[in-house]
N, C-alpha and C. Protein backbone atom coordinates (compact mmCIF):
# COMPACT_ATOMS: atom_id res chain seq x y z
N MET A 1 102.31 119.79 78.22
CA MET A 1 102.06 120.15 79.62
C MET A 1 102.86 119.23 80.54
N LEU A 2 103.43 119.84 81.60
CA LEU A 2 104.18 119.05 82.55
C LEU A 2 103.27 118.06 83.25
N SER A 3 103.78 116.86 83.52
CA SER A 3 103.03 115.82 84.20
C SER A 3 104.01 114.95 84.95
N THR A 4 103.47 114.00 85.72
CA THR A 4 104.34 113.06 86.43
C THR A 4 105.23 112.30 85.45
N ARG A 5 104.67 111.90 84.33
CA ARG A 5 105.43 111.16 83.33
C ARG A 5 106.59 112.00 82.78
N THR A 6 106.31 113.28 82.50
CA THR A 6 107.36 114.16 81.99
C THR A 6 108.47 114.36 83.01
N LEU A 7 108.06 114.62 84.26
CA LEU A 7 109.06 114.86 85.30
C LEU A 7 109.90 113.61 85.58
N LEU A 8 109.27 112.44 85.56
CA LEU A 8 110.02 111.20 85.75
C LEU A 8 110.98 110.98 84.58
N GLY A 9 110.54 111.37 83.38
CA GLY A 9 111.43 111.27 82.22
C GLY A 9 112.66 112.13 82.39
N VAL A 10 112.45 113.36 82.87
CA VAL A 10 113.58 114.26 83.13
C VAL A 10 114.50 113.69 84.20
N LEU A 11 113.88 113.08 85.22
CA LEU A 11 114.66 112.46 86.30
C LEU A 11 115.52 111.31 85.77
N LEU A 12 114.96 110.49 84.88
CA LEU A 12 115.72 109.39 84.28
C LEU A 12 116.86 109.91 83.42
N ILE A 13 116.62 111.00 82.70
CA ILE A 13 117.69 111.61 81.90
C ILE A 13 118.82 112.07 82.80
N GLY A 14 118.45 112.70 83.93
CA GLY A 14 119.48 113.14 84.88
C GLY A 14 120.26 111.98 85.46
N LEU A 15 119.56 110.87 85.78
CA LEU A 15 120.23 109.68 86.31
C LEU A 15 121.19 109.11 85.29
N GLY A 16 120.74 109.06 84.05
CA GLY A 16 121.62 108.55 82.99
C GLY A 16 122.85 109.43 82.82
N ALA A 17 122.67 110.74 82.94
CA ALA A 17 123.81 111.66 82.82
C ALA A 17 124.81 111.46 83.95
N VAL A 18 124.28 111.23 85.17
CA VAL A 18 125.17 110.99 86.32
C VAL A 18 125.99 109.72 86.11
N LEU A 19 125.34 108.64 85.66
CA LEU A 19 126.04 107.38 85.40
C LEU A 19 127.07 107.53 84.28
N LEU A 20 126.73 108.33 83.29
CA LEU A 20 127.67 108.57 82.19
C LEU A 20 128.89 109.34 82.67
N LEU A 21 128.67 110.33 83.52
CA LEU A 21 129.79 111.11 84.06
C LEU A 21 130.69 110.26 84.94
N GLU A 22 130.07 109.25 85.61
CA GLU A 22 130.90 108.34 86.41
C GLU A 22 131.85 107.55 85.52
N GLN A 23 131.38 107.15 84.34
CA GLN A 23 132.23 106.40 83.42
C GLN A 23 133.40 107.23 82.92
N THR A 24 133.23 108.54 82.90
CA THR A 24 134.33 109.41 82.46
C THR A 24 135.21 109.84 83.62
N GLY A 25 134.88 109.39 84.83
CA GLY A 25 135.68 109.73 86.00
C GLY A 25 135.44 111.12 86.55
N THR A 26 134.34 111.75 86.10
CA THR A 26 134.06 113.12 86.54
C THR A 26 133.49 113.16 87.95
N LEU A 27 132.66 112.17 88.30
CA LEU A 27 132.07 112.13 89.64
C LEU A 27 131.77 110.69 90.03
N GLU A 28 131.41 110.53 91.32
CA GLU A 28 131.07 109.21 91.85
C GLU A 28 129.54 109.09 91.92
N ALA A 29 128.97 108.26 91.05
CA ALA A 29 127.51 108.17 90.92
C ALA A 29 126.86 107.70 92.21
N GLY A 30 127.46 106.73 92.90
CA GLY A 30 126.86 106.21 94.12
C GLY A 30 126.67 107.27 95.17
N ARG A 31 127.63 108.15 95.34
CA ARG A 31 127.52 109.22 96.33
C ARG A 31 126.45 110.23 95.93
N VAL A 32 126.42 110.58 94.65
CA VAL A 32 125.43 111.55 94.18
C VAL A 32 124.00 111.00 94.34
N ILE A 33 123.80 109.73 93.93
CA ILE A 33 122.48 109.12 94.05
C ILE A 33 122.08 108.98 95.52
N GLY A 34 123.05 108.60 96.36
CA GLY A 34 122.78 108.46 97.79
C GLY A 34 122.34 109.75 98.44
N ASP A 35 122.85 110.89 97.94
CA ASP A 35 122.49 112.19 98.50
C ASP A 35 121.17 112.72 97.94
N TRP A 36 120.91 112.45 96.67
CA TRP A 36 119.81 113.11 95.99
C TRP A 36 118.60 112.21 95.71
N TRP A 37 118.55 110.97 96.24
CA TRP A 37 117.42 110.08 95.95
C TRP A 37 116.06 110.64 96.38
N PRO A 38 115.97 111.52 97.43
CA PRO A 38 114.63 112.05 97.77
C PRO A 38 114.00 112.89 96.66
N MET A 39 114.79 113.25 95.63
CA MET A 39 114.22 113.99 94.51
C MET A 39 113.12 113.19 93.82
N VAL A 40 113.19 111.86 93.91
CA VAL A 40 112.14 111.02 93.31
C VAL A 40 110.80 111.31 93.98
N ILE A 41 110.80 111.42 95.31
CA ILE A 41 109.57 111.71 96.05
C ILE A 41 109.06 113.10 95.70
N ILE A 42 109.97 114.06 95.63
CA ILE A 42 109.58 115.43 95.30
C ILE A 42 108.96 115.50 93.90
N VAL A 43 109.58 114.79 92.96
CA VAL A 43 109.08 114.78 91.58
C VAL A 43 107.69 114.16 91.51
N LEU A 44 107.46 113.07 92.24
CA LEU A 44 106.15 112.42 92.25
C LEU A 44 105.08 113.37 92.80
N GLY A 45 105.41 114.05 93.88
CA GLY A 45 104.45 115.00 94.45
C GLY A 45 104.19 116.17 93.52
N ALA A 46 105.25 116.70 92.90
CA ALA A 46 105.09 117.81 91.97
C ALA A 46 104.26 117.40 90.76
N GLY A 47 104.46 116.19 90.29
CA GLY A 47 103.69 115.69 89.14
C GLY A 47 102.21 115.61 89.46
N GLN A 48 101.87 115.09 90.66
CA GLN A 48 100.47 115.02 91.08
C GLN A 48 99.86 116.41 91.17
N LEU A 49 100.63 117.36 91.71
CA LEU A 49 100.12 118.72 91.88
C LEU A 49 99.84 119.37 90.53
N LEU A 50 100.73 119.15 89.55
CA LEU A 50 100.55 119.72 88.22
C LEU A 50 99.36 119.09 87.50
N GLU A 51 99.19 117.76 87.66
CA GLU A 51 98.10 117.08 86.97
C GLU A 51 96.74 117.46 87.52
N GLN A 52 96.67 117.73 88.82
CA GLN A 52 95.38 118.09 89.43
C GLN A 52 95.00 119.54 89.16
N ARG A 53 96.00 120.36 88.82
CA ARG A 53 95.77 121.76 88.43
C ARG A 53 95.11 122.58 89.53
N ARG A 54 95.30 122.20 90.77
CA ARG A 54 94.78 122.98 91.88
C ARG A 54 95.58 122.64 93.13
N LEU A 55 95.52 123.55 94.09
CA LEU A 55 96.25 123.33 95.33
C LEU A 55 95.57 122.24 96.13
N ASN A 56 96.33 121.17 96.44
CA ASN A 56 95.77 120.02 97.12
C ASN A 56 96.73 119.57 98.20
N ILE A 57 96.20 119.25 99.36
CA ILE A 57 97.04 118.91 100.51
C ILE A 57 97.87 117.66 100.27
N GLY A 58 97.33 116.70 99.51
CA GLY A 58 98.04 115.44 99.30
C GLY A 58 99.40 115.61 98.66
N PRO A 59 99.47 116.15 97.43
CA PRO A 59 100.78 116.35 96.80
C PRO A 59 101.70 117.26 97.60
N LEU A 60 101.14 118.25 98.29
CA LEU A 60 101.98 119.14 99.10
C LEU A 60 102.66 118.38 100.23
N ILE A 61 101.94 117.44 100.84
CA ILE A 61 102.55 116.62 101.90
C ILE A 61 103.67 115.77 101.32
N VAL A 62 103.44 115.17 100.15
CA VAL A 62 104.47 114.35 99.50
C VAL A 62 105.71 115.19 99.22
N ILE A 63 105.51 116.38 98.66
CA ILE A 63 106.65 117.26 98.37
C ILE A 63 107.37 117.65 99.65
N GLY A 64 106.60 117.97 100.70
CA GLY A 64 107.21 118.36 101.96
C GLY A 64 108.06 117.25 102.56
N VAL A 65 107.56 116.02 102.51
CA VAL A 65 108.34 114.88 103.02
C VAL A 65 109.62 114.72 102.21
N GLY A 66 109.51 114.84 100.89
CA GLY A 66 110.69 114.72 100.03
C GLY A 66 111.73 115.80 100.33
N VAL A 67 111.28 117.03 100.57
CA VAL A 67 112.20 118.13 100.87
C VAL A 67 112.91 117.88 102.19
N LEU A 68 112.17 117.41 103.21
CA LEU A 68 112.80 117.12 104.51
C LEU A 68 113.86 116.02 104.38
N LEU A 69 113.52 114.97 103.62
CA LEU A 69 114.48 113.89 103.41
C LEU A 69 115.72 114.39 102.67
N LEU A 70 115.51 115.26 101.69
CA LEU A 70 116.64 115.79 100.92
C LEU A 70 117.53 116.66 101.79
N LEU A 71 116.94 117.51 102.61
CA LEU A 71 117.73 118.36 103.50
C LEU A 71 118.52 117.53 104.49
N ASN A 72 117.93 116.43 104.95
CA ASN A 72 118.64 115.54 105.87
C ASN A 72 119.80 114.84 105.18
N GLN A 73 119.57 114.40 103.93
CA GLN A 73 120.63 113.72 103.18
C GLN A 73 121.79 114.65 102.87
N LEU A 74 121.49 115.92 102.64
CA LEU A 74 122.53 116.90 102.30
C LEU A 74 123.14 117.54 103.54
N ASP A 75 122.72 117.08 104.73
CA ASP A 75 123.22 117.59 106.01
C ASP A 75 122.93 119.07 106.21
N VAL A 76 121.88 119.56 105.57
CA VAL A 76 121.46 120.94 105.80
C VAL A 76 120.79 121.03 107.17
N VAL A 77 120.05 120.00 107.53
CA VAL A 77 119.49 119.89 108.87
C VAL A 77 119.98 118.57 109.46
N ASP A 78 120.07 118.54 110.78
CA ASP A 78 120.58 117.35 111.44
C ASP A 78 119.57 116.87 112.47
N TYR A 79 118.90 115.76 112.18
CA TYR A 79 117.94 115.18 113.12
C TYR A 79 117.82 113.69 112.86
N ASP A 80 117.34 112.99 113.88
CA ASP A 80 117.13 111.55 113.75
C ASP A 80 115.80 111.32 113.04
N LEU A 81 115.89 111.02 111.74
CA LEU A 81 114.69 110.90 110.92
C LEU A 81 113.76 109.81 111.42
N TRP A 82 114.30 108.67 111.80
CA TRP A 82 113.46 107.54 112.21
C TRP A 82 112.77 107.80 113.54
N ALA A 83 113.40 108.59 114.42
CA ALA A 83 112.76 108.92 115.69
C ALA A 83 111.55 109.81 115.49
N LEU A 84 111.52 110.53 114.39
CA LEU A 84 110.40 111.43 114.10
C LEU A 84 109.29 110.76 113.29
N THR A 85 109.52 109.52 112.85
CA THR A 85 108.60 108.89 111.91
C THR A 85 107.17 108.84 112.41
N TRP A 86 106.94 108.24 113.59
CA TRP A 86 105.57 108.06 114.07
C TRP A 86 104.86 109.37 114.37
N PRO A 87 105.52 110.34 115.05
CA PRO A 87 104.84 111.63 115.24
C PRO A 87 104.45 112.30 113.93
N VAL A 88 105.35 112.22 112.95
CA VAL A 88 105.06 112.83 111.66
C VAL A 88 103.91 112.11 110.96
N LEU A 89 103.89 110.77 111.03
CA LEU A 89 102.82 110.01 110.41
C LEU A 89 101.46 110.36 111.03
N LEU A 90 101.43 110.53 112.35
CA LEU A 90 100.18 110.90 113.02
C LEU A 90 99.72 112.29 112.59
N ILE A 91 100.66 113.21 112.47
CA ILE A 91 100.31 114.56 112.03
C ILE A 91 99.78 114.54 110.60
N LEU A 92 100.44 113.78 109.74
CA LEU A 92 100.00 113.68 108.35
C LEU A 92 98.61 113.04 108.25
N GLY A 93 98.37 112.03 109.09
CA GLY A 93 97.05 111.41 109.11
C GLY A 93 95.98 112.40 109.53
N GLY A 94 96.29 113.22 110.53
CA GLY A 94 95.35 114.25 110.95
C GLY A 94 95.09 115.27 109.87
N LEU A 95 96.14 115.69 109.16
CA LEU A 95 95.97 116.64 108.06
C LEU A 95 95.10 116.06 106.96
N ALA A 96 95.30 114.77 106.68
CA ALA A 96 94.49 114.13 105.64
C ALA A 96 93.02 114.13 106.02
N LEU A 97 92.72 113.94 107.31
CA LEU A 97 91.33 113.96 107.76
C LEU A 97 90.75 115.37 107.73
N VAL A 98 91.56 116.36 108.14
CA VAL A 98 91.08 117.73 108.20
C VAL A 98 90.84 118.32 106.81
N PHE A 99 91.76 118.02 105.89
CA PHE A 99 91.69 118.64 104.56
C PHE A 99 91.10 117.71 103.51
N ARG A 100 90.42 116.67 103.91
CA ARG A 100 89.82 115.75 102.95
C ARG A 100 88.90 116.52 102.02
N ARG A 101 88.88 116.12 100.76
CA ARG A 101 88.12 116.84 99.74
C ARG A 101 86.64 116.49 99.77
N ALA A 102 86.28 115.43 100.45
CA ALA A 102 84.89 114.95 100.37
C ALA A 102 83.92 115.97 100.93
N GLY A 103 82.75 116.04 100.34
CA GLY A 103 81.72 116.94 100.80
C GLY A 103 80.77 116.24 101.76
N LYS A 104 79.63 116.88 101.97
CA LYS A 104 78.65 116.32 102.89
C LYS A 104 77.90 115.18 102.22
N LEU A 105 77.28 114.37 103.06
CA LEU A 105 76.44 113.31 102.52
C LEU A 105 75.25 113.92 101.78
N PRO A 106 74.84 113.32 100.67
CA PRO A 106 73.67 113.83 99.96
C PRO A 106 72.42 113.64 100.81
N PRO A 107 71.40 114.47 100.59
CA PRO A 107 70.16 114.30 101.36
C PRO A 107 69.47 112.99 101.00
N GLY A 108 68.78 112.43 101.97
CA GLY A 108 68.06 111.18 101.73
C GLY A 108 67.66 110.53 103.03
N ARG A 109 66.82 109.56 102.94
CA ARG A 109 66.39 108.82 104.13
C ARG A 109 67.54 107.96 104.65
N PRO A 110 67.46 107.53 105.92
CA PRO A 110 68.54 106.72 106.49
C PRO A 110 68.87 105.47 105.68
N ASP A 111 67.87 104.90 104.98
CA ASP A 111 68.15 103.70 104.21
C ASP A 111 68.77 104.02 102.85
N GLU A 112 68.86 105.33 102.51
CA GLU A 112 69.40 105.73 101.21
C GLU A 112 70.85 106.20 101.29
N VAL A 113 71.33 106.55 102.47
CA VAL A 113 72.70 107.01 102.66
C VAL A 113 73.37 106.18 103.75
N VAL A 114 74.67 106.02 103.62
CA VAL A 114 75.43 105.20 104.57
C VAL A 114 76.58 106.02 105.12
N SER A 115 76.77 105.98 106.42
CA SER A 115 77.93 106.59 107.07
C SER A 115 78.60 105.53 107.92
N ALA A 116 79.81 105.15 107.55
CA ALA A 116 80.51 104.06 108.26
C ALA A 116 81.96 104.44 108.50
N SER A 117 82.45 104.13 109.68
CA SER A 117 83.84 104.44 110.03
C SER A 117 84.43 103.32 110.86
N ALA A 118 85.75 103.27 110.88
CA ALA A 118 86.46 102.27 111.68
C ALA A 118 87.76 102.87 112.19
N PHE A 119 87.96 102.81 113.49
CA PHE A 119 89.17 103.29 114.12
C PHE A 119 89.75 102.16 114.97
N PHE A 120 90.89 101.65 114.53
CA PHE A 120 91.53 100.51 115.20
C PHE A 120 90.57 99.32 115.26
N SER A 121 89.76 99.15 114.21
CA SER A 121 88.81 98.04 114.18
C SER A 121 88.36 97.81 112.75
N GLY A 122 87.37 96.92 112.57
CA GLY A 122 86.81 96.65 111.26
C GLY A 122 85.32 96.93 111.25
N ASN A 123 84.79 97.28 110.08
CA ASN A 123 83.37 97.59 109.96
C ASN A 123 82.89 97.18 108.57
N ASP A 124 82.06 96.14 108.51
CA ASP A 124 81.52 95.65 107.24
C ASP A 124 80.03 96.01 107.16
N VAL A 125 79.66 96.74 106.11
CA VAL A 125 78.29 97.22 105.96
C VAL A 125 77.72 96.71 104.64
N VAL A 126 76.45 96.30 104.67
CA VAL A 126 75.73 95.86 103.48
C VAL A 126 74.51 96.75 103.29
N SER A 127 74.34 97.31 102.09
CA SER A 127 73.19 98.14 101.79
C SER A 127 72.25 97.41 100.84
N THR A 128 70.97 97.45 101.16
CA THR A 128 69.95 96.85 100.29
C THR A 128 68.99 97.92 99.79
N SER A 129 69.41 99.17 99.81
CA SER A 129 68.55 100.29 99.44
C SER A 129 68.10 100.19 97.99
N ALA A 130 66.83 100.49 97.75
CA ALA A 130 66.31 100.53 96.39
C ALA A 130 66.57 101.88 95.72
N HIS A 131 67.05 102.86 96.51
CA HIS A 131 67.37 104.19 95.98
C HIS A 131 68.64 104.70 96.68
N PHE A 132 69.75 104.03 96.44
CA PHE A 132 71.01 104.40 97.10
C PHE A 132 71.48 105.76 96.58
N ARG A 133 71.76 106.67 97.53
CA ARG A 133 72.16 108.03 97.15
C ARG A 133 73.61 108.36 97.47
N GLY A 134 74.20 107.70 98.45
CA GLY A 134 75.58 108.03 98.76
C GLY A 134 76.06 107.45 100.07
N ALA A 135 77.38 107.65 100.32
CA ALA A 135 77.98 107.11 101.54
C ALA A 135 79.24 107.89 101.88
N SER A 136 79.57 107.87 103.17
CA SER A 136 80.83 108.41 103.66
C SER A 136 81.54 107.30 104.42
N LEU A 137 82.71 106.89 103.94
CA LEU A 137 83.44 105.76 104.51
C LEU A 137 84.80 106.23 105.00
N THR A 138 85.09 106.03 106.27
CA THR A 138 86.35 106.49 106.86
C THR A 138 87.01 105.35 107.64
N ALA A 139 88.27 105.09 107.33
CA ALA A 139 89.02 104.05 108.05
C ALA A 139 90.36 104.62 108.49
N MET A 140 90.63 104.52 109.78
CA MET A 140 91.92 104.96 110.31
C MET A 140 92.45 103.88 111.23
N PHE A 141 93.56 103.29 110.86
CA PHE A 141 94.12 102.15 111.58
C PHE A 141 93.07 101.03 111.68
N GLY A 142 92.30 100.86 110.63
CA GLY A 142 91.27 99.83 110.59
C GLY A 142 90.78 99.64 109.17
N GLY A 143 89.65 98.98 109.03
CA GLY A 143 89.12 98.72 107.70
C GLY A 143 87.61 98.87 107.63
N VAL A 144 87.13 99.41 106.50
CA VAL A 144 85.69 99.58 106.25
C VAL A 144 85.37 98.95 104.91
N SER A 145 84.26 98.20 104.86
CA SER A 145 83.80 97.59 103.62
C SER A 145 82.32 97.89 103.45
N LEU A 146 81.96 98.39 102.25
CA LEU A 146 80.56 98.64 101.92
C LEU A 146 80.18 97.78 100.73
N ASP A 147 79.20 96.91 100.93
CA ASP A 147 78.73 95.99 99.90
C ASP A 147 77.42 96.52 99.32
N LEU A 148 77.45 96.89 98.03
CA LEU A 148 76.27 97.44 97.37
C LEU A 148 75.67 96.47 96.36
N ARG A 149 76.01 95.20 96.45
CA ARG A 149 75.55 94.24 95.47
C ARG A 149 74.03 94.05 95.49
N GLN A 150 73.41 94.34 96.62
CA GLN A 150 71.97 94.19 96.72
C GLN A 150 71.24 95.53 96.66
N ALA A 151 71.97 96.59 96.35
CA ALA A 151 71.38 97.93 96.29
C ALA A 151 71.14 98.35 94.84
N GLN A 152 70.33 99.38 94.69
CA GLN A 152 70.06 99.97 93.38
C GLN A 152 70.31 101.47 93.47
N LEU A 153 70.95 102.04 92.43
CA LEU A 153 71.22 103.46 92.41
C LEU A 153 69.94 104.26 92.23
N SER A 154 69.89 105.43 92.87
CA SER A 154 68.78 106.33 92.61
C SER A 154 68.89 106.86 91.18
N PRO A 155 67.82 107.30 90.57
CA PRO A 155 67.86 107.76 89.17
C PRO A 155 68.88 108.87 88.92
N GLU A 156 69.10 109.72 89.92
CA GLU A 156 70.05 110.82 89.75
C GLU A 156 71.48 110.42 90.08
N GLY A 157 71.71 109.17 90.42
CA GLY A 157 73.04 108.70 90.74
C GLY A 157 73.35 108.82 92.23
N ALA A 158 74.61 108.60 92.59
CA ALA A 158 75.01 108.64 94.00
C ALA A 158 76.47 109.07 94.11
N SER A 159 76.84 109.53 95.32
CA SER A 159 78.21 109.97 95.59
C SER A 159 78.74 109.26 96.82
N VAL A 160 79.97 108.76 96.71
CA VAL A 160 80.61 108.06 97.82
C VAL A 160 81.94 108.72 98.13
N SER A 161 82.15 109.03 99.40
CA SER A 161 83.42 109.57 99.88
C SER A 161 84.18 108.47 100.60
N MET A 162 85.44 108.25 100.20
CA MET A 162 86.27 107.22 100.83
C MET A 162 87.51 107.88 101.41
N MET A 163 87.78 107.62 102.68
CA MET A 163 88.95 108.16 103.35
C MET A 163 89.67 107.03 104.09
N ALA A 164 90.91 106.75 103.71
CA ALA A 164 91.69 105.70 104.37
C ALA A 164 93.01 106.28 104.84
N ALA A 165 93.24 106.27 106.14
CA ALA A 165 94.49 106.73 106.71
C ALA A 165 95.05 105.61 107.58
N PHE A 166 96.15 105.02 107.13
CA PHE A 166 96.74 103.88 107.83
C PHE A 166 95.73 102.74 107.94
N GLY A 167 94.87 102.61 106.96
CA GLY A 167 93.86 101.57 106.95
C GLY A 167 93.39 101.30 105.54
N GLY A 168 92.24 100.64 105.41
CA GLY A 168 91.75 100.30 104.09
C GLY A 168 90.25 100.47 103.98
N VAL A 169 89.80 100.85 102.78
CA VAL A 169 88.37 100.97 102.48
C VAL A 169 88.09 100.17 101.21
N GLU A 170 87.02 99.36 101.26
CA GLU A 170 86.63 98.52 100.14
C GLU A 170 85.18 98.82 99.77
N LEU A 171 84.94 99.04 98.47
CA LEU A 171 83.60 99.29 97.97
C LEU A 171 83.28 98.24 96.91
N ILE A 172 82.22 97.45 97.16
CA ILE A 172 81.83 96.38 96.25
C ILE A 172 80.55 96.80 95.53
N VAL A 173 80.59 96.81 94.20
CA VAL A 173 79.43 97.25 93.42
C VAL A 173 78.99 96.15 92.45
N PRO A 174 77.72 96.16 92.03
CA PRO A 174 77.27 95.16 91.05
C PRO A 174 77.81 95.49 89.66
N ARG A 175 77.94 94.49 88.84
CA ARG A 175 78.33 94.72 87.45
C ARG A 175 77.20 95.47 86.75
N GLY A 176 77.57 96.36 85.86
CA GLY A 176 76.59 97.16 85.15
C GLY A 176 76.48 98.58 85.66
N TRP A 177 77.02 98.85 86.86
CA TRP A 177 77.00 100.20 87.39
C TRP A 177 78.06 101.05 86.71
N ARG A 178 77.72 102.29 86.40
CA ARG A 178 78.71 103.24 85.89
C ARG A 178 79.41 103.88 87.08
N VAL A 179 80.73 103.76 87.11
CA VAL A 179 81.50 104.28 88.24
C VAL A 179 82.51 105.30 87.73
N GLN A 180 82.47 106.49 88.29
CA GLN A 180 83.45 107.53 88.00
C GLN A 180 84.21 107.83 89.27
N ALA A 181 85.54 107.65 89.25
CA ALA A 181 86.32 107.76 90.47
C ALA A 181 87.45 108.77 90.32
N THR A 182 87.69 109.53 91.37
CA THR A 182 88.85 110.39 91.49
C THR A 182 89.54 110.04 92.81
N SER A 183 90.84 110.25 92.87
CA SER A 183 91.56 109.86 94.09
C SER A 183 92.74 110.78 94.36
N THR A 184 93.09 110.85 95.63
CA THR A 184 94.30 111.54 96.08
C THR A 184 95.10 110.56 96.94
N PRO A 185 96.02 109.81 96.34
CA PRO A 185 96.84 108.88 97.13
C PRO A 185 98.06 109.59 97.71
N ILE A 186 98.27 109.45 99.00
CA ILE A 186 99.43 110.03 99.68
C ILE A 186 100.18 108.87 100.33
N PHE A 187 101.21 108.39 99.67
CA PHE A 187 101.93 107.20 100.13
C PHE A 187 100.94 106.06 100.38
N GLY A 188 99.98 105.93 99.51
CA GLY A 188 98.99 104.87 99.59
C GLY A 188 98.57 104.45 98.20
N GLY A 189 97.61 103.56 98.12
CA GLY A 189 97.18 103.06 96.82
C GLY A 189 95.67 103.09 96.66
N PHE A 190 95.23 103.37 95.43
CA PHE A 190 93.81 103.35 95.11
C PHE A 190 93.63 102.61 93.79
N GLU A 191 92.63 101.72 93.74
CA GLU A 191 92.38 100.96 92.51
C GLU A 191 90.89 100.86 92.24
N ASN A 192 90.52 101.17 91.01
CA ASN A 192 89.14 101.05 90.57
C ASN A 192 89.05 99.91 89.57
N LYS A 193 88.50 98.77 90.01
CA LYS A 193 88.37 97.60 89.14
C LYS A 193 87.00 97.53 88.47
N ALA A 194 86.12 98.47 88.79
CA ALA A 194 84.77 98.47 88.22
C ALA A 194 84.77 99.26 86.92
N THR A 195 85.38 98.70 85.90
CA THR A 195 85.58 99.42 84.64
C THR A 195 85.00 98.69 83.44
N ASP A 196 84.13 97.70 83.65
CA ASP A 196 83.51 97.01 82.52
C ASP A 196 82.62 97.98 81.73
N PRO A 197 82.43 97.74 80.43
CA PRO A 197 81.52 98.58 79.63
C PRO A 197 80.12 98.61 80.24
N THR A 198 79.51 99.80 80.26
CA THR A 198 78.19 99.96 80.85
C THR A 198 77.30 100.79 79.93
N ASP A 199 76.03 100.84 80.27
CA ASP A 199 75.07 101.65 79.53
C ASP A 199 75.34 103.13 79.82
N ALA A 200 75.61 103.89 78.76
CA ALA A 200 75.98 105.29 78.93
C ALA A 200 74.84 106.14 79.49
N THR A 201 73.62 105.62 79.48
CA THR A 201 72.48 106.39 79.99
C THR A 201 72.11 106.00 81.42
N SER A 202 72.79 105.02 81.99
CA SER A 202 72.46 104.57 83.35
C SER A 202 72.99 105.56 84.39
N PRO A 203 72.45 105.55 85.62
CA PRO A 203 72.93 106.46 86.67
C PRO A 203 74.41 106.24 86.97
N VAL A 204 75.04 107.26 87.53
CA VAL A 204 76.48 107.23 87.79
C VAL A 204 76.75 107.19 89.29
N LEU A 205 77.68 106.33 89.69
CA LEU A 205 78.19 106.32 91.05
C LEU A 205 79.50 107.09 91.04
N ARG A 206 79.53 108.24 91.70
CA ARG A 206 80.73 109.07 91.75
C ARG A 206 81.48 108.81 93.06
N VAL A 207 82.75 108.48 92.94
CA VAL A 207 83.55 108.13 94.11
C VAL A 207 84.74 109.08 94.22
N ASP A 208 84.94 109.62 95.40
CA ASP A 208 86.09 110.48 95.68
C ASP A 208 86.88 109.84 96.82
N ALA A 209 88.12 109.45 96.55
CA ALA A 209 88.91 108.72 97.55
C ALA A 209 90.16 109.49 97.94
N THR A 210 90.40 109.57 99.23
CA THR A 210 91.66 110.10 99.77
C THR A 210 92.33 108.99 100.55
N VAL A 211 93.54 108.64 100.16
CA VAL A 211 94.24 107.50 100.76
C VAL A 211 95.61 107.94 101.25
N MET A 212 95.89 107.65 102.50
CA MET A 212 97.18 108.02 103.08
C MET A 212 97.74 106.85 103.88
N PHE A 213 98.89 106.35 103.44
CA PHE A 213 99.50 105.21 104.10
C PHE A 213 98.49 104.08 104.27
N GLY A 214 97.73 103.81 103.22
CA GLY A 214 96.72 102.76 103.27
C GLY A 214 96.29 102.39 101.88
N GLY A 215 95.09 101.87 101.76
CA GLY A 215 94.59 101.45 100.46
C GLY A 215 93.09 101.59 100.36
N ALA A 216 92.61 101.84 99.15
CA ALA A 216 91.17 101.90 98.87
C ALA A 216 90.92 101.22 97.54
N GLU A 217 89.78 100.55 97.43
CA GLU A 217 89.51 99.74 96.24
C GLU A 217 88.02 99.73 95.93
N ILE A 218 87.72 99.82 94.63
CA ILE A 218 86.36 99.62 94.12
C ILE A 218 86.39 98.36 93.26
N LYS A 219 85.49 97.44 93.50
CA LYS A 219 85.54 96.21 92.73
C LYS A 219 84.14 95.64 92.56
N TYR A 220 84.02 94.68 91.64
CA TYR A 220 82.74 94.00 91.41
C TYR A 220 82.56 92.90 92.44
N GLU A 221 81.39 92.29 92.42
CA GLU A 221 81.09 91.22 93.36
C GLU A 221 82.12 90.10 93.22
N LYS A 222 82.36 89.44 94.30
CA LYS A 222 83.37 88.39 94.35
C LYS A 222 82.92 87.17 93.58
């Protein structure tokens, strides 16, 4: 099955072929690479789309950016790319918020669910709930941190939605919690450090992260 790894492998084969042809005097590798480097971005986006096996806004945005860069490099379209950077970034950030995959907060009392956001600011939240059910965390041009070290999962588990656009979201969990995470990074990074062996029968914390030009992280207590 096609994947990011397979497509990158094909891309490396093509790069090697270009360099080999340069040695034979057939073409100039520097010019070819200079024109076609946006293919790396397109390949990364296509790989994500194939691996997720469904239509998702994140990989489509990555592919679209790569196509625009490629058309500009090949002089198919003529525009000042850097002058468009900030308007495009704002539009992409809005799309990420509109098409975020996260669902609604699970039902529960106010002390069982958390809703925290940060826009051009910071927001640090600590939960001490004895039956934590879920949270929605959104950071745009700012940072959000949720500390669950003093909380306990409800018997049926919990769901956390993380959205970072030009910002960062941090989730701190106690050791021993089972964490299952999925992510859609769009020119951003996501890392799940809560991967120590756990009891297979314990409740599960399910995390869904969408990251765009920012970062999101799940980690154990400091």
